[in-house]
Amino acid sequence: MIIVMKPQATKENIEHIVSIIQSNGLEPHLSDGAQVTIIGVIGDKTRLINQNLEIAEGVDHIVSVTESYKLANKKFHPEKSIVKVGNTSIGGSEFVIMSGPCAVENEEQVLQTAKAIKESGAQILRGGAYKPRTSPYSFQGLEEDGLRLMKEAREATGLAVVCEVTSLAAIEAAVKYVDMIQIGARNMQNFYLLKEAGKTGLPILLKRGLSATVDEWLNAAEYVMAEGNPNVVLCERGIRTFETATRNTLDISSIPVVREKSHLPIVVDPSHASGVRAYVAPLAKSAVAAGADGLMIETHPCPEKALYDGPQSLTFKLFDKLCKELRPYIQLAGKHF
C-alpha cells in the first residue's frame, strides 16, 4: 500500500505515520517529491487495518498496490529515477550509449574499441569477461584478466565500464574493476545472484530474460532494490518468439509499458535483439523514438574475427555513422547526446 501525505503535512505528521508502520512490523519507504511525500509500506498491510491511517493528521489518501513489486513501482516513486554510472547519468536528459565487444579478447582489442567509441560519443564501455554460453565448449571469457583490461581501458579513456557477472565469485572480482554490473538475460531470475549484486551498491544493468514478462522483469529488479540498492537500469534485449529471421524479437512495446509501470530507466540492446548487423541501426532508431534512455550496441575492431557475436557487431565506421544518424532522433525525443 501507499500512503500519500498532504502537501502541507509536517515532518512530525510523517514521522508519526512511519512510527505506526514500524511498530506493526512493516517497512516504510519514503519518496519525497516536490509537492508531496509518499510513504510506501512493505509487508502484510492487514496489520494496519485497525490503525485508521486514512484519518490520521497529514494523510491525504491511501492507494492499494496490487503488483508484487513495490520499490520498482511507479506508484511508490512517481518521479523518474536517474542512475549515475561514473560521470554519466542514465534516465535524465542525457541519452546514453554503451558500446564495445560482446567478449573481451585481448588488450589491443579493448583499448582500440574504447578509444573509437569515445570518439563517436559513447559514454560507457561494455565488454564481457564472463560469458555464459549455451555450449560448454564455447569461449567462456577471460574472467578477471578481462576485468583488468576493462579497467585499463577506463583509465586510458575516462569511459565508465560495465561487465556481466555470472556468480558470486564474479561479483567479488568485478567490484574491484567496474562501474556497473550487468545481470544477463539467462540470469534474470537467478534470485541469489540478484541479491548478491544488490548488496554491492554498484549500479545494476538488468537484462530482460529470454521469455520473461515485463512484470517478471520488474520483480527481478525488486530483488536488487530490496537489498537497499535503488540503482537499477533495465535493458530490453529482445525476447524469444516463433520468428527465426532474427536472433530474438525486439519488444519495442516494453519501453512504454515500463514507463507506465516503473520509474526505472530503460535502455535497449538492438544487437542481441536482432543478431544481424544490418538491422541494428533501424532498431536503434525505433528505440529512441519509443522513449528509451539509452542503447547498448556491440562494436568490434574486426567483427569477422570476433570470438563471439561477430555477425551482429558493428565496425567502428558503422558505429560512428549510426551515432551521427541518431542525433536528430535523440533531439526530437527531448534528450541530448
C-alpha atoms as a PDB file:
ATOM      1  CA  MET A   1       0.000   0.000   0.000  1.00  0.00           C
ATOM      2  CA  ILE A   2       0.976   3.643  -0.472  1.00  0.00           C
ATOM      3  CA  ILE A   3       0.195   6.475   1.899  1.00  0.00           C
ATOM      4  CA  VAL A   4       0.070   9.848   0.152  1.00  0.00           C
ATOM      5  CA  MET A   5       0.649  12.739   2.525  1.00  0.00           C
ATOM      6  CA  LYS A   6      -0.939  16.157   2.112  1.00  0.00           C
ATOM      7  CA  PRO A   7       1.243  18.928   0.622  1.00  0.00           C
ATOM      8  CA  GLN A   8       1.153  20.760   3.949  1.00  0.00           C
ATOM      9  CA  ALA A   9       1.963  17.675   6.047  1.00  0.00           C
ATOM     10  CA  THR A  10       4.602  18.432   8.676  1.00  0.00           C
ATOM     11  CA  LYS A  11       7.724  16.476   9.470  1.00  0.00           C
ATOM     12  CA  GLU A  12       6.036  15.358  12.672  1.00  0.00           C
ATOM     13  CA  ASN A  13       2.995  14.073  10.739  1.00  0.00           C
ATOM     14  CA  ILE A  14       5.260  11.988   8.518  1.00  0.00           C
ATOM     15  CA  GLU A  15       7.329  10.644  11.418  1.00  0.00           C
ATOM     16  CA  HIS A  16       4.124   9.650  13.236  1.00  0.00           C
ATOM     17  CA  ILE A  17       2.918   7.576  10.276  1.00  0.00           C
ATOM     18  CA  VAL A  18       6.372   5.989   9.908  1.00  0.00           C
ATOM     19  CA  SER A  19       6.398   5.028  13.586  1.00  0.00           C
ATOM     20  CA  ILE A  20       2.987   3.335  13.263  1.00  0.00           C
ATOM     21  CA  ILE A  21       4.187   1.343  10.264  1.00  0.00           C
ATOM     22  CA  GLN A  22       7.364   0.235  12.035  1.00  0.00           C
ATOM     23  CA  SER A  23       5.620  -0.611  15.293  1.00  0.00           C
ATOM     24  CA  ASN A  24       3.434  -3.048  13.365  1.00  0.00           C
ATOM     25  CA  GLY A  25       6.424  -4.876  11.954  1.00  0.00           C
ATOM     26  CA  LEU A  26       6.251  -3.346   8.465  1.00  0.00           C
ATOM     27  CA  GLU A  27       8.861  -1.455   6.462  1.00  0.00           C
ATOM     28  CA  PRO A  28       8.273   2.161   5.333  1.00  0.00           C
ATOM     29  CA  HIS A  29       9.897   3.647   2.228  1.00  0.00           C
ATOM     30  CA  LEU A  30       9.742   7.412   1.821  1.00  0.00           C
ATOM     31  CA  SER A  31       9.725   9.221  -1.505  1.00  0.00           C
ATOM     32  CA  ASP A  32       9.991  12.982  -1.123  1.00  0.00           C
ATOM     33  CA  GLY A  33       8.526  14.737  -4.152  1.00  0.00           C
ATOM     34  CA  ALA A  34       8.487  18.432  -4.964  1.00  0.00           C
ATOM     35  CA  GLN A  35       4.946  18.782  -3.604  1.00  0.00           C
ATOM     36  CA  VAL A  36       4.096  15.730  -1.531  1.00  0.00           C
ATOM     37  CA  THR A  37       5.695  12.879   0.378  1.00  0.00           C
ATOM     38  CA  ILE A  38       4.701   9.318  -0.432  1.00  0.00           C
ATOM     39  CA  ILE A  39       5.203   6.523   2.080  1.00  0.00           C
ATOM     40  CA  GLY A  40       5.359   3.026   0.663  1.00  0.00           C
ATOM     41  CA  VAL A  41       4.535   0.154   3.005  1.00  0.00           C
ATOM     42  CA  ILE A  42       6.293  -3.177   2.517  1.00  0.00           C
ATOM     43  CA  GLY A  43       4.795  -6.183   4.274  1.00  0.00           C
ATOM     44  CA  ASP A  44       1.418  -7.542   5.380  1.00  0.00           C
ATOM     45  CA  LYS A  45      -0.843  -4.481   5.193  1.00  0.00           C
ATOM     46  CA  THR A  46      -3.614  -6.281   7.103  1.00  0.00           C
ATOM     47  CA  ARG A  47      -1.670  -5.437  10.274  1.00  0.00           C
ATOM     48  CA  LEU A  48      -2.684  -1.797   9.743  1.00  0.00           C
ATOM     49  CA  ILE A  49      -6.421  -2.395   9.371  1.00  0.00           C
ATOM     50  CA  ASN A  50      -7.253  -1.066  12.839  1.00  0.00           C
ATOM     51  CA  GLN A  51      -4.870   1.894  12.727  1.00  0.00           C
ATOM     52  CA  ASN A  52      -7.293   4.262  10.895  1.00  0.00           C
ATOM     53  CA  LEU A  53      -4.459   5.770   8.903  1.00  0.00           C
ATOM     54  CA  GLU A  54      -6.921   7.328   6.428  1.00  0.00           C
ATOM     55  CA  ILE A  55      -7.930   9.903   9.029  1.00  0.00           C
ATOM     56  CA  ALA A  56      -4.501  10.446  10.582  1.00  0.00           C
ATOM     57  CA  GLU A  57      -3.281  14.027  10.572  1.00  0.00           C
ATOM     58  CA  GLY A  58      -1.392  14.905   7.402  1.00  0.00           C
ATOM     59  CA  VAL A  59      -2.641  11.918   5.370  1.00  0.00           C
ATOM     60  CA  ASP A  60      -4.317  12.758   2.057  1.00  0.00           C
ATOM     61  CA  HIS A  61      -5.275   9.301   0.817  1.00  0.00           C
ATOM     62  CA  ILE A  62      -4.172   5.664   0.660  1.00  0.00           C
ATOM     63  CA  VAL A  63      -3.588   3.682  -2.525  1.00  0.00           C
ATOM     64  CA  SER A  64      -3.638  -0.101  -2.655  1.00  0.00           C
ATOM     65  CA  VAL A  65      -0.846  -1.648  -4.732  1.00  0.00           C
ATOM     66  CA  THR A  66      -1.756  -4.932  -6.377  1.00  0.00           C
ATOM     67  CA  GLU A  67       1.585  -5.550  -8.126  1.00  0.00           C
ATOM     68  CA  SER A  68       4.032  -7.730  -6.222  1.00  0.00           C
ATOM     69  CA  TYR A  69       6.937  -5.376  -6.960  1.00  0.00           C
ATOM     70  CA  LYS A  70       6.842  -2.307  -4.759  1.00  0.00           C
ATOM     71  CA  LEU A  71      10.184  -0.497  -4.838  1.00  0.00           C
ATOM     72  CA  ALA A  72      10.349  -0.639  -8.647  1.00  0.00           C
ATOM     73  CA  ASN A  73       6.738   0.527  -8.886  1.00  0.00           C
ATOM     74  CA  LYS A  74       5.966   3.987 -10.250  1.00  0.00           C
ATOM     75  CA  LYS A  75       3.186   4.313  -7.668  1.00  0.00           C
ATOM     76  CA  PHE A  76       5.805   4.213  -4.927  1.00  0.00           C
ATOM     77  CA  HIS A  77       8.164   6.556  -6.738  1.00  0.00           C
ATOM     78  CA  PRO A  78       6.286   8.815  -9.198  1.00  0.00           C
ATOM     79  CA  GLU A  79       9.388  10.748 -10.204  1.00  0.00           C
ATOM     80  CA  LYS A  80      11.666   9.107 -12.755  1.00  0.00           C
ATOM     81  CA  SER A  81      14.875   7.662 -11.309  1.00  0.00           C
ATOM     82  CA  ILE A  82      18.275   8.736 -12.588  1.00  0.00           C
ATOM     83  CA  VAL A  83      21.136   6.273 -12.158  1.00  0.00           C
ATOM     84  CA  LYS A  84      24.665   7.626 -12.099  1.00  0.00           C
ATOM     85  CA  VAL A  85      27.380   5.463 -13.685  1.00  0.00           C
ATOM     86  CA  GLY A  86      30.812   7.041 -13.451  1.00  0.00           C
ATOM     87  CA  ASN A  87      30.397  10.560 -14.830  1.00  0.00           C
ATOM     88  CA  THR A  88      27.289   9.602 -16.804  1.00  0.00           C
ATOM     89  CA  SER A  89      23.637   9.666 -15.699  1.00  0.00           C
ATOM     90  CA  ILE A  90      21.043   7.303 -17.148  1.00  0.00           C
ATOM     91  CA  GLY A  91      17.400   8.324 -17.032  1.00  0.00           C
ATOM     92  CA  GLY A  92      17.736  12.088 -17.245  1.00  0.00           C
ATOM     93  CA  SER A  93      18.098  14.423 -20.207  1.00  0.00           C
ATOM     94  CA  GLU A  94      21.309  12.755 -21.395  1.00  0.00           C
ATOM     95  CA  PHE A  95      20.961   9.933 -23.908  1.00  0.00           C
ATOM     96  CA  VAL A  96      23.487   7.229 -23.072  1.00  0.00           C
ATOM     97  CA  ILE A  97      25.186   4.812 -25.445  1.00  0.00           C
ATOM     98  CA  MET A  98      27.085   1.797 -24.144  1.00  0.00           C
ATOM     99  CA  SER A  99      29.260   0.046 -26.678  1.00  0.00           C
ATOM    100  CA  GLY A 100      32.042  -2.468 -27.025  1.00  0.00           C
ATOM    101  CA  PRO A 101      32.706  -6.115 -27.804  1.00  0.00           C
ATOM    102  CA  CYS A 102      30.469  -8.881 -26.543  1.00  0.00           C
ATOM    103  CA  ALA A 103      33.595 -10.635 -25.250  1.00  0.00           C
ATOM    104  CA  VAL A 104      36.879  -9.140 -24.076  1.00  0.00           C
ATOM    105  CA  GLU A 105      39.575 -10.899 -26.106  1.00  0.00           C
ATOM    106  CA  ASN A 106      42.852  -9.041 -25.590  1.00  0.00           C
ATOM    107  CA  GLU A 107      44.343  -5.703 -24.571  1.00  0.00           C
ATOM    108  CA  GLU A 108      44.665  -4.292 -28.083  1.00  0.00           C
ATOM    109  CA  GLN A 109      41.046  -5.074 -28.902  1.00  0.00           C
ATOM    110  CA  VAL A 110      39.676  -3.431 -25.761  1.00  0.00           C
ATOM    111  CA  LEU A 111      41.804  -0.268 -25.887  1.00  0.00           C
ATOM    112  CA  GLN A 112      41.232   0.194 -29.609  1.00  0.00           C
ATOM    113  CA  THR A 113      37.485  -0.182 -29.120  1.00  0.00           C
ATOM    114  CA  ALA A 114      37.332   2.160 -26.121  1.00  0.00           C
ATOM    115  CA  LYS A 115      39.127   4.944 -27.985  1.00  0.00           C
ATOM    116  CA  ALA A 116      36.971   4.526 -31.082  1.00  0.00           C
ATOM    117  CA  ILE A 117      33.601   4.532 -29.336  1.00  0.00           C
ATOM    118  CA  LYS A 118      34.541   7.509 -27.191  1.00  0.00           C
ATOM    119  CA  GLU A 119      35.465   9.471 -30.295  1.00  0.00           C
ATOM    120  CA  SER A 120      31.991   8.710 -31.684  1.00  0.00           C
ATOM    121  CA  GLY A 121      30.296   9.895 -28.480  1.00  0.00           C
ATOM    122  CA  ALA A 122      29.661   6.755 -26.416  1.00  0.00           C
ATOM    123  CA  GLN A 123      29.875   7.251 -22.663  1.00  0.00           C
ATOM    124  CA  ILE A 124      30.167   3.668 -21.376  1.00  0.00           C
ATOM    125  CA  LEU A 125      32.362   0.770 -22.489  1.00  0.00           C
ATOM    126  CA  ARG A 126      30.758  -2.660 -22.355  1.00  0.00           C
ATOM    127  CA  GLY A 127      32.669  -5.888 -22.547  1.00  0.00           C
ATOM    128  CA  GLY A 128      32.114  -9.454 -21.421  1.00  0.00           C
ATOM    129  CA  ALA A 129      34.679 -11.071 -19.134  1.00  0.00           C
ATOM    130  CA  TYR A 130      32.326 -13.874 -18.080  1.00  0.00           C
ATOM    131  CA  LYS A 131      30.350 -15.418 -20.920  1.00  0.00           C
ATOM    132  CA  PRO A 132      27.518 -17.843 -20.062  1.00  0.00           C
ATOM    133  CA  ARG A 133      27.365 -19.887 -23.260  1.00  0.00           C
ATOM    134  CA  THR A 134      24.885 -22.492 -24.420  1.00  0.00           C
ATOM    135  CA  SER A 135      27.714 -24.904 -25.212  1.00  0.00           C
ATOM    136  CA  PRO A 136      30.318 -25.738 -22.543  1.00  0.00           C
ATOM    137  CA  TYR A 137      32.921 -25.951 -25.328  1.00  0.00           C
ATOM    138  CA  SER A 138      32.445 -22.330 -26.458  1.00  0.00           C
ATOM    139  CA  PHE A 139      34.685 -19.454 -25.358  1.00  0.00           C
ATOM    140  CA  GLN A 140      33.717 -18.613 -21.767  1.00  0.00           C
ATOM    141  CA  GLY A 141      35.584 -15.327 -21.329  1.00  0.00           C
ATOM    142  CA  LEU A 142      38.873 -14.153 -19.800  1.00  0.00           C
ATOM    143  CA  GLU A 143      37.252 -13.684 -16.367  1.00  0.00           C
ATOM    144  CA  GLU A 144      39.328 -11.489 -14.016  1.00  0.00           C
ATOM    145  CA  ASP A 145      42.001 -10.890 -16.645  1.00  0.00           C
ATOM    146  CA  GLY A 146      39.238  -9.442 -18.809  1.00  0.00           C
ATOM    147  CA  LEU A 147      38.101  -7.191 -15.965  1.00  0.00           C
ATOM    148  CA  ARG A 148      41.637  -5.851 -15.606  1.00  0.00           C
ATOM    149  CA  LEU A 149      41.684  -4.969 -19.281  1.00  0.00           C
ATOM    150  CA  MET A 150      38.381  -3.131 -18.908  1.00  0.00           C
ATOM    151  CA  LYS A 151      39.799  -1.126 -16.026  1.00  0.00           C
ATOM    152  CA  GLU A 152      42.872  -0.255 -18.111  1.00  0.00           C
ATOM    153  CA  ALA A 153      40.589   0.997 -20.869  1.00  0.00           C
ATOM    154  CA  ARG A 154      38.694   3.154 -18.363  1.00  0.00           C
ATOM    155  CA  GLU A 155      41.947   4.672 -17.111  1.00  0.00           C
ATOM    156  CA  ALA A 156      43.090   5.344 -20.671  1.00  0.00           C
ATOM    157  CA  THR A 157      39.845   6.931 -21.913  1.00  0.00           C
ATOM    158  CA  GLY A 158      37.778   8.043 -18.917  1.00  0.00           C
ATOM    159  CA  LEU A 159      34.833   5.893 -20.047  1.00  0.00           C
ATOM    160  CA  ALA A 160      32.772   4.141 -17.390  1.00  0.00           C
ATOM    161  CA  VAL A 161      32.770   0.347 -17.793  1.00  0.00           C
ATOM    162  CA  VAL A 162      30.065  -2.304 -17.416  1.00  0.00           C
ATOM    163  CA  CYS A 163      30.576  -6.045 -17.340  1.00  0.00           C
ATOM    164  CA  GLU A 164      28.324  -9.065 -16.844  1.00  0.00           C
ATOM    165  CA  VAL A 165      28.686 -11.287 -13.778  1.00  0.00           C
ATOM    166  CA  THR A 166      27.558 -14.886 -13.531  1.00  0.00           C
ATOM    167  CA  SER A 167      28.402 -15.944  -9.970  1.00  0.00           C
ATOM    168  CA  LEU A 168      29.273 -14.675  -6.501  1.00  0.00           C
ATOM    169  CA  ALA A 169      32.965 -15.125  -7.321  1.00  0.00           C
ATOM    170  CA  ALA A 170      32.491 -12.995 -10.440  1.00  0.00           C
ATOM    171  CA  ILE A 171      30.779 -10.285  -8.391  1.00  0.00           C
ATOM    172  CA  GLU A 172      33.600 -10.252  -5.835  1.00  0.00           C
ATOM    173  CA  ALA A 173      36.097  -9.788  -8.662  1.00  0.00           C
ATOM    174  CA  ALA A 174      34.047  -7.276 -10.672  1.00  0.00           C
ATOM    175  CA  VAL A 175      33.548  -4.767  -7.846  1.00  0.00           C
ATOM    176  CA  LYS A 176      37.295  -4.088  -7.938  1.00  0.00           C
ATOM    177  CA  TYR A 177      37.256  -3.051 -11.582  1.00  0.00           C
ATOM    178  CA  VAL A 178      33.895  -1.912 -12.976  1.00  0.00           C
ATOM    179  CA  ASP A 179      31.460   0.978 -12.564  1.00  0.00           C
ATOM    180  CA  MET A 180      28.340  -1.053 -13.296  1.00  0.00           C
ATOM    181  CA  ILE A 181      27.392  -4.724 -13.018  1.00  0.00           C
ATOM    182  CA  GLN A 182      25.318  -6.431 -15.680  1.00  0.00           C
ATOM    183  CA  ILE A 183      22.951  -9.303 -14.961  1.00  0.00           C
ATOM    184  CA  GLY A 184      22.438 -11.146 -18.239  1.00  0.00           C
ATOM    185  CA  ALA A 185      19.203 -12.482 -19.691  1.00  0.00           C
ATOM    186  CA  ARG A 186      19.966 -16.056 -18.640  1.00  0.00           C
ATOM    187  CA  ASN A 187      20.405 -14.956 -15.024  1.00  0.00           C
ATOM    188  CA  MET A 188      17.468 -12.555 -14.754  1.00  0.00           C
ATOM    189  CA  GLN A 189      15.714 -14.933 -12.356  1.00  0.00           C
ATOM    190  CA  ASN A 190      18.825 -16.151 -10.565  1.00  0.00           C
ATOM    191  CA  PHE A 191      17.496 -14.631  -7.359  1.00  0.00           C
ATOM    192  CA  TYR A 192      20.572 -15.387  -5.254  1.00  0.00           C
ATOM    193  CA  LEU A 193      22.762 -13.623  -7.828  1.00  0.00           C
ATOM    194  CA  LEU A 194      20.377 -10.658  -7.925  1.00  0.00           C
ATOM    195  CA  LYS A 195      20.526 -10.262  -4.156  1.00  0.00           C
ATOM    196  CA  GLU A 196      24.309 -10.503  -4.063  1.00  0.00           C
ATOM    197  CA  ALA A 197      24.603  -7.960  -6.870  1.00  0.00           C
ATOM    198  CA  GLY A 198      22.267  -5.636  -4.991  1.00  0.00           C
ATOM    199  CA  LYS A 199      24.472  -5.799  -1.909  1.00  0.00           C
ATOM    200  CA  THR A 200      27.429  -4.306  -3.821  1.00  0.00           C
ATOM    201  CA  GLY A 201      25.748  -0.922  -4.068  1.00  0.00           C
ATOM    202  CA  LEU A 202      27.002  -0.597  -7.648  1.00  0.00           C
ATOM    203  CA  PRO A 203      24.551   0.332 -10.417  1.00  0.00           C
ATOM    204  CA  ILE A 204      22.975  -2.790 -11.923  1.00  0.00           C
ATOM    205  CA  LEU A 205      22.114  -3.250 -15.596  1.00  0.00           C
ATOM    206  CA  LEU A 206      19.344  -5.862 -15.606  1.00  0.00           C
ATOM    207  CA  LYS A 207      18.663  -7.544 -18.937  1.00  0.00           C
ATOM    208  CA  ARG A 208      15.231  -8.969 -19.644  1.00  0.00           C
ATOM    209  CA  GLY A 209      15.055 -12.758 -19.660  1.00  0.00           C
ATOM    210  CA  LEU A 210      14.607 -14.659 -22.907  1.00  0.00           C
ATOM    211  CA  SER A 211      10.947 -15.419 -22.197  1.00  0.00           C
ATOM    212  CA  ALA A 212      10.217 -13.085 -19.295  1.00  0.00           C
ATOM    213  CA  THR A 213       7.125 -10.908 -18.972  1.00  0.00           C
ATOM    214  CA  VAL A 214       7.560  -7.265 -18.012  1.00  0.00           C
ATOM    215  CA  ASP A 215       6.156  -7.989 -14.541  1.00  0.00           C
ATOM    216  CA  GLU A 216       8.668 -10.829 -14.033  1.00  0.00           C
ATOM    217  CA  TRP A 217      11.412  -8.457 -15.144  1.00  0.00           C
ATOM    218  CA  LEU A 218      10.323  -5.788 -12.669  1.00  0.00           C
ATOM    219  CA  ASN A 219      10.109  -8.373  -9.884  1.00  0.00           C
ATOM    220  CA  ALA A 220      13.713  -9.308 -10.674  1.00  0.00           C
ATOM    221  CA  ALA A 221      14.627  -5.636 -10.248  1.00  0.00           C
ATOM    222  CA  GLU A 222      12.809  -5.742  -6.915  1.00  0.00           C
ATOM    223  CA  TYR A 223      15.265  -8.369  -5.655  1.00  0.00           C
ATOM    224  CA  VAL A 224      18.140  -5.953  -6.243  1.00  0.00           C
ATOM    225  CA  MET A 225      16.308  -2.974  -4.773  1.00  0.00           C
ATOM    226  CA  ALA A 226      15.186  -4.921  -1.704  1.00  0.00           C
ATOM    227  CA  GLU A 227      18.868  -5.132  -0.757  1.00  0.00           C
ATOM    228  CA  GLY A 228      18.942  -1.354  -0.408  1.00  0.00           C
ATOM    229  CA  ASN A 229      20.268  -0.670  -3.907  1.00  0.00           C
ATOM    230  CA  PRO A 230      17.944   1.614  -5.925  1.00  0.00           C
ATOM    231  CA  ASN A 231      20.366   1.956  -8.841  1.00  0.00           C
ATOM    232  CA  VAL A 232      18.833  -0.382 -11.403  1.00  0.00           C
ATOM    233  CA  VAL A 233      18.717   0.174 -15.159  1.00  0.00           C
ATOM    234  CA  LEU A 234      16.528  -2.149 -17.208  1.00  0.00           C
ATOM    235  CA  CYS A 235      17.732  -3.449 -20.580  1.00  0.00           C
ATOM    236  CA  GLU A 236      15.364  -4.755 -23.251  1.00  0.00           C
ATOM    237  CA  ARG A 237      17.350  -7.165 -25.455  1.00  0.00           C
ATOM    238  CA  GLY A 238      14.647  -8.997 -27.321  1.00  0.00           C
ATOM    239  CA  ILE A 239      12.568 -11.986 -26.307  1.00  0.00           C
ATOM    240  CA  ARG A 240      12.201 -15.483 -27.720  1.00  0.00           C
ATOM    241  CA  THR A 241       9.301 -15.889 -30.146  1.00  0.00           C
ATOM    242  CA  PHE A 242       8.431 -18.167 -33.079  1.00  0.00           C
ATOM    243  CA  GLU A 243      10.217 -15.800 -35.504  1.00  0.00           C
ATOM    244  CA  THR A 244      13.517 -17.101 -36.912  1.00  0.00           C
ATOM    245  CA  ALA A 245      14.531 -14.205 -39.171  1.00  0.00           C
ATOM    246  CA  THR A 246      16.186 -12.519 -36.204  1.00  0.00           C
ATOM    247  CA  ARG A 247      18.062 -13.862 -33.205  1.00  0.00           C
ATOM    248  CA  ASN A 248      15.312 -12.601 -30.888  1.00  0.00           C
ATOM    249  CA  THR A 249      12.294 -10.337 -31.299  1.00  0.00           C
ATOM    250  CA  LEU A 250      12.795  -6.799 -30.027  1.00  0.00           C
ATOM    251  CA  ASP A 251       9.774  -5.960 -27.870  1.00  0.00           C
ATOM    252  CA  ILE A 252       9.671  -2.247 -28.582  1.00  0.00           C
ATOM    253  CA  SER A 253       6.374  -2.031 -26.675  1.00  0.00           C
ATOM    254  CA  SER A 254       8.205  -2.856 -23.451  1.00  0.00           C
ATOM    255  CA  ILE A 255       9.534   0.711 -23.379  1.00  0.00           C
ATOM    256  CA  PRO A 256       6.166   2.485 -22.920  1.00  0.00           C
ATOM    257  CA  VAL A 257       4.951  -0.384 -20.729  1.00  0.00           C
ATOM    258  CA  VAL A 258       7.907   0.047 -18.373  1.00  0.00           C
ATOM    259  CA  ARG A 259       7.396   3.815 -18.463  1.00  0.00           C
ATOM    260  CA  GLU A 260       3.831   3.307 -17.226  1.00  0.00           C
ATOM    261  CA  LYS A 261       4.649   0.734 -14.562  1.00  0.00           C
ATOM    262  CA  SER A 262       8.056   1.792 -13.205  1.00  0.00           C
ATOM    263  CA  HIS A 263      10.298   4.750 -12.509  1.00  0.00           C
ATOM    264  CA  LEU A 264      13.452   2.862 -13.512  1.00  0.00           C
ATOM    265  CA  PRO A 265      15.455   3.885 -16.606  1.00  0.00           C
ATOM    266  CA  ILE A 266      15.349   1.579 -19.617  1.00  0.00           C
ATOM    267  CA  VAL A 267      17.904   1.032 -22.372  1.00  0.00           C
ATOM    268  CA  VAL A 268      17.692  -1.176 -25.461  1.00  0.00           C
ATOM    269  CA  ASP A 269      20.169  -3.659 -26.921  1.00  0.00           C
ATOM    270  CA  PRO A 270      19.379  -3.890 -30.664  1.00  0.00           C
ATOM    271  CA  SER A 271      22.457  -6.053 -31.270  1.00  0.00           C
ATOM    272  CA  HIS A 272      21.265  -9.059 -29.272  1.00  0.00           C
ATOM    273  CA  ALA A 273      17.675  -8.394 -30.277  1.00  0.00           C
ATOM    274  CA  SER A 274      18.415  -8.832 -33.969  1.00  0.00           C
ATOM    275  CA  GLY A 275      21.647 -10.782 -34.212  1.00  0.00           C
ATOM    276  CA  VAL A 276      22.106  -9.154 -37.628  1.00  0.00           C
ATOM    277  CA  ARG A 277      24.395  -6.179 -38.216  1.00  0.00           C
ATOM    278  CA  ALA A 278      22.144  -4.634 -40.881  1.00  0.00           C
ATOM    279  CA  TYR A 279      19.163  -4.491 -38.508  1.00  0.00           C
ATOM    280  CA  VAL A 280      20.921  -2.755 -35.609  1.00  0.00           C
ATOM    281  CA  ALA A 281      20.582   0.817 -36.913  1.00  0.00           C
ATOM    282  CA  PRO A 282      16.823   0.786 -37.670  1.00  0.00           C
ATOM    283  CA  LEU A 283      16.063  -0.920 -34.353  1.00  0.00           C
ATOM    284  CA  ALA A 284      18.237   1.595 -32.508  1.00  0.00           C
ATOM    285  CA  LYS A 285      16.345   4.493 -34.084  1.00  0.00           C
ATOM    286  CA  SER A 286      12.981   2.960 -33.224  1.00  0.00           C
ATOM    287  CA  ALA A 287      14.115   2.516 -29.604  1.00  0.00           C
ATOM    288  CA  VAL A 288      14.981   6.206 -29.354  1.00  0.00           C
ATOM    289  CA  ALA A 289      11.618   7.156 -30.833  1.00  0.00           C
ATOM    290  CA  ALA A 290       9.800   4.885 -28.366  1.00  0.00           C
ATOM    291  CA  GLY A 291      11.401   6.664 -25.405  1.00  0.00           C
ATOM    292  CA  ALA A 292      14.456   4.636 -24.413  1.00  0.00           C
ATOM    293  CA  ASP A 293      17.028   6.295 -22.161  1.00  0.00           C
ATOM    294  CA  GLY A 294      19.939   4.707 -23.971  1.00  0.00           C
ATOM    295  CA  LEU A 295      21.311   1.953 -26.175  1.00  0.00           C
ATOM    296  CA  MET A 296      23.755  -0.910 -25.842  1.00  0.00           C
ATOM    297  CA  ILE A 297      25.438  -1.567 -29.182  1.00  0.00           C
ATOM    298  CA  GLU A 298      28.110  -4.129 -29.898  1.00  0.00           C
ATOM    299  CA  THR A 299      31.225  -2.998 -31.746  1.00  0.00           C
ATOM    300  CA  HIS A 300      34.416  -4.808 -32.651  1.00  0.00           C
ATOM    301  CA  PRO A 301      37.644  -3.815 -34.466  1.00  0.00           C
ATOM    302  CA  CYS A 302      37.231  -6.750 -36.829  1.00  0.00           C
ATOM    303  CA  PRO A 303      33.795  -8.421 -36.491  1.00  0.00           C
ATOM    304  CA  GLU A 304      34.649 -11.246 -38.890  1.00  0.00           C
ATOM    305  CA  LYS A 305      37.371 -12.358 -36.452  1.00  0.00           C
ATOM    306  CA  ALA A 306      35.352 -11.876 -33.251  1.00  0.00           C
ATOM    307  CA  LEU A 307      35.298 -14.843 -30.890  1.00  0.00           C
ATOM    308  CA  TYR A 308      31.638 -14.205 -30.174  1.00  0.00           C
ATOM    309  CA  ASP A 309      28.709 -12.416 -31.880  1.00  0.00           C
ATOM    310  CA  GLY A 310      30.659 -11.103 -34.877  1.00  0.00           C
ATOM    311  CA  PRO A 311      27.586 -11.106 -37.195  1.00  0.00           C
ATOM    312  CA  GLN A 312      25.775  -8.567 -35.010  1.00  0.00           C
ATOM    313  CA  SER A 313      28.765  -6.349 -34.159  1.00  0.00           C
ATOM    314  CA  LEU A 314      29.308  -3.024 -35.895  1.00  0.00           C
ATOM    315  CA  THR A 315      32.650  -1.886 -37.251  1.00  0.00           C
ATOM    316  CA  PHE A 316      33.931   1.406 -35.848  1.00  0.00           C
ATOM    317  CA  LYS A 317      32.982   3.135 -39.100  1.00  0.00           C
ATOM    318  CA  LEU A 318      29.411   1.847 -38.959  1.00  0.00           C
ATOM    319  CA  PHE A 319      29.130   2.725 -35.277  1.00  0.00           C
ATOM    320  CA  ASP A 320      30.278   6.292 -35.907  1.00  0.00           C
ATOM    321  CA  LYS A 321      27.788   6.598 -38.777  1.00  0.00           C
ATOM    322  CA  LEU A 322      24.973   5.340 -36.553  1.00  0.00           C
ATOM    323  CA  CYS A 323      25.820   7.781 -33.743  1.00  0.00           C
ATOM    324  CA  LYS A 324      25.609  10.662 -36.222  1.00  0.00           C
ATOM    325  CA  GLU A 325      22.293   9.392 -37.599  1.00  0.00           C
ATOM    326  CA  LEU A 326      20.855   9.025 -34.091  1.00  0.00           C
ATOM    327  CA  ARG A 327      21.426  12.634 -33.037  1.00  0.00           C
ATOM    328  CA  PRO A 328      18.268  14.139 -34.644  1.00  0.00           C
ATOM    329  CA  TYR A 329      16.150  11.296 -33.239  1.00  0.00           C
ATOM    330  CA  ILE A 330      17.604  11.937 -29.787  1.00  0.00           C
ATOM    331  CA  GLN A 331      16.903  15.655 -30.047  1.00  0.00           C
ATOM    332  CA  LEU A 332      13.312  15.019 -31.124  1.00  0.00           C
ATOM    333  CA  ALA A 333      12.941  12.776 -28.059  1.00  0.00           C
ATOM    334  CA  GLY A 334      13.938  15.721 -25.868  1.00  0.00           C
ATOM    335  CA  LYS A 335      17.368  14.438 -24.915  1.00  0.00           C
ATOM    336  CA  HIS A 336      20.940  15.363 -25.784  1.00  0.00           C
ATOM    337  CA  PHE A 337      23.887  13.213 -26.851  1.00  0.00           C
END
